[in-house]
C-alpha atoms as a PDB file:
ATOM      1  CA  MET A   1      26.725  -3.460  26.245  1.00  0.00           C
ATOM      2  CA  GLU A   2      26.990  -1.939  22.309  1.00  0.00           C
ATOM      3  CA  SER A   3      23.120  -1.011  23.981  1.00  0.00           C
ATOM      4  CA  ARG A   4      24.444   0.384  26.082  1.00  0.00           C
ATOM      5  CA  ILE A   5      27.028   2.180  23.527  1.00  0.00           C
ATOM      6  CA  LYS A   6      23.989   3.042  21.861  1.00  0.00           C
ATOM      7  CA  ASN A   7      22.282   5.009  23.797  1.00  0.00           C
ATOM      8  CA  ILE A   8      25.357   6.815  25.426  1.00  0.00           C
ATOM      9  CA  MET A   9      25.801   7.911  21.757  1.00  0.00           C
ATOM     10  CA  ALA A  10      22.028   8.915  20.925  1.00  0.00           C
ATOM     11  CA  GLU A  11      21.870  10.770  23.782  1.00  0.00           C
ATOM     12  CA  THR A  12      24.885  12.555  23.821  1.00  0.00           C
ATOM     13  CA  PHE A  13      25.685  13.059  19.851  1.00  0.00           C
ATOM     14  CA  ASN A  14      21.558  13.757  19.603  1.00  0.00           C
ATOM     15  CA  ILE A  15      20.220  11.644  17.058  1.00  0.00           C
ATOM     16  CA  PRO A  16      18.442   7.979  16.801  1.00  0.00           C
ATOM     17  CA  LYS A  17      19.166   5.213  18.484  1.00  0.00           C
ATOM     18  CA  GLU A  18      17.926   3.002  15.035  1.00  0.00           C
ATOM     19  CA  SER A  19      20.377   4.951  13.406  1.00  0.00           C
ATOM     20  CA  ILE A  20      23.500   4.355  14.920  1.00  0.00           C
ATOM     21  CA  THR A  21      25.553   1.192  12.738  1.00  0.00           C
ATOM     22  CA  ASP A  22      29.252   0.004  12.940  1.00  0.00           C
ATOM     23  CA  GLU A  23      29.865   2.810  10.181  1.00  0.00           C
ATOM     24  CA  CYS A  24      28.479   5.628  12.246  1.00  0.00           C
ATOM     25  CA  SER A  25      31.684   7.462  13.180  1.00  0.00           C
ATOM     26  CA  ILE A  26      33.016  11.193  13.106  1.00  0.00           C
ATOM     27  CA  ASP A  27      33.016  11.701   9.920  1.00  0.00           C
ATOM     28  CA  SER A  28      28.977  11.348   9.379  1.00  0.00           C
ATOM     29  CA  ILE A  29      27.473  12.146  12.629  1.00  0.00           C
ATOM     30  CA  GLU A  30      27.074  15.875  12.278  1.00  0.00           C
ATOM     31  CA  HIS A  31      27.370  16.696  15.953  1.00  0.00           C
ATOM     32  CA  TRP A  32      30.831  15.022  16.397  1.00  0.00           C
ATOM     33  CA  ASP A  33      33.344  16.792  17.274  1.00  0.00           C
ATOM     34  CA  SER A  34      35.643  17.528  19.958  1.00  0.00           C
ATOM     35  CA  LEU A  35      33.917  18.798  22.536  1.00  0.00           C
ATOM     36  CA  SER A  36      31.233  15.931  22.127  1.00  0.00           C
ATOM     37  CA  HIS A  37      34.041  13.056  21.584  1.00  0.00           C
ATOM     38  CA  THR A  38      35.544  14.313  24.788  1.00  0.00           C
ATOM     39  CA  ASN A  39      31.599  13.789  26.239  1.00  0.00           C
ATOM     40  CA  LEU A  40      31.154  11.191  25.103  1.00  0.00           C
ATOM     41  CA  ILE A  41      33.901   9.227  26.776  1.00  0.00           C
ATOM     42  CA  MET A  42      33.674  11.018  30.166  1.00  0.00           C
ATOM     43  CA  ALA A  43      29.772   9.158  29.381  1.00  0.00           C
ATOM     44  CA  LEU A  44      31.451   5.510  28.509  1.00  0.00           C
ATOM     45  CA  GLU A  45      33.750   5.616  31.476  1.00  0.00           C
ATOM     46  CA  GLN A  46      31.165   6.354  34.025  1.00  0.00           C
ATOM     47  CA  ASN A  47      28.601   3.887  32.663  1.00  0.00           C
ATOM     48  CA  PHE A  48      31.174   1.305  32.339  1.00  0.00           C
ATOM     49  CA  GLY A  49      32.821   2.094  35.111  1.00  0.00           C
ATOM     50  CA  ILE A  50      36.109   1.755  33.238  1.00  0.00           C
ATOM     51  CA  SER A  51      39.343   4.453  32.301  1.00  0.00           C
ATOM     52  CA  PHE A  52      40.662   4.408  29.219  1.00  0.00           C
ATOM     53  CA  LYS A  53      44.249   5.561  28.149  1.00  0.00           C
ATOM     54  CA  THR A  54      45.031   8.254  25.193  1.00  0.00           C
ATOM     55  CA  ASP A  55      46.048   6.082  22.531  1.00  0.00           C
ATOM     56  CA  GLU A  56      42.829   4.762  22.877  1.00  0.00           C
ATOM     57  CA  ILE A  57      41.119   7.923  23.046  1.00  0.00           C
ATOM     58  CA  ILE A  58      42.414   9.112  19.880  1.00  0.00           C
ATOM     59  CA  ASP A  59      41.739   5.729  18.294  1.00  0.00           C
ATOM     60  CA  MET A  60      38.178   5.664  19.075  1.00  0.00           C
ATOM     61  CA  LEU A  61      36.101   7.829  15.880  1.00  0.00           C
ATOM     62  CA  ASN A  62      33.363   5.214  15.096  1.00  0.00           C
ATOM     63  CA  PHE A  63      31.220   2.945  16.694  1.00  0.00           C
ATOM     64  CA  LYS A  64      33.375  -0.735  16.074  1.00  0.00           C
ATOM     65  CA  LEU A  65      35.743   0.839  17.747  1.00  0.00           C
ATOM     66  CA  ILE A  66      34.333   2.535  20.463  1.00  0.00           C
ATOM     67  CA  LYS A  67      32.928  -1.257  20.252  1.00  0.00           C
ATOM     68  CA  LEU A  68      36.007  -3.719  20.777  1.00  0.00           C
ATOM     69  CA  ILE A  69      37.876  -0.969  22.387  1.00  0.00           C
ATOM     70  CA  ILE A  70      35.405  -1.234  25.648  1.00  0.00           C
ATOM     71  CA  GLU A  71      34.715  -5.106  25.121  1.00  0.00           C
ATOM     72  CA  GLU A  72      38.981  -5.623  25.362  1.00  0.00           C
ATOM     73  CA  LYS A  73      39.137  -3.331  28.415  1.00  0.00           C
ATOM     74  CA  LEU A  74      35.721  -5.742  30.129  1.00  0.00           C
ATOM     75  CA  ASN A  75      37.751  -8.819  29.477  1.00  0.00           C
END
């Protein structure tokens, strides 16, 4: 699952997959703006077959939180 999320983030933000760590956030990724955040959410929903609530989308501002939220949805 972690690898799938990294692949989606790398493609969405046009960054190397290897550069994505738990600390990667909206503050540390240059191309992470409101539009790319929306694209990221849509790609994650499509790839994992899940839907996020508004409060979850707002909270998904770093790789670690994205992993946690998806793990909770899949369990």
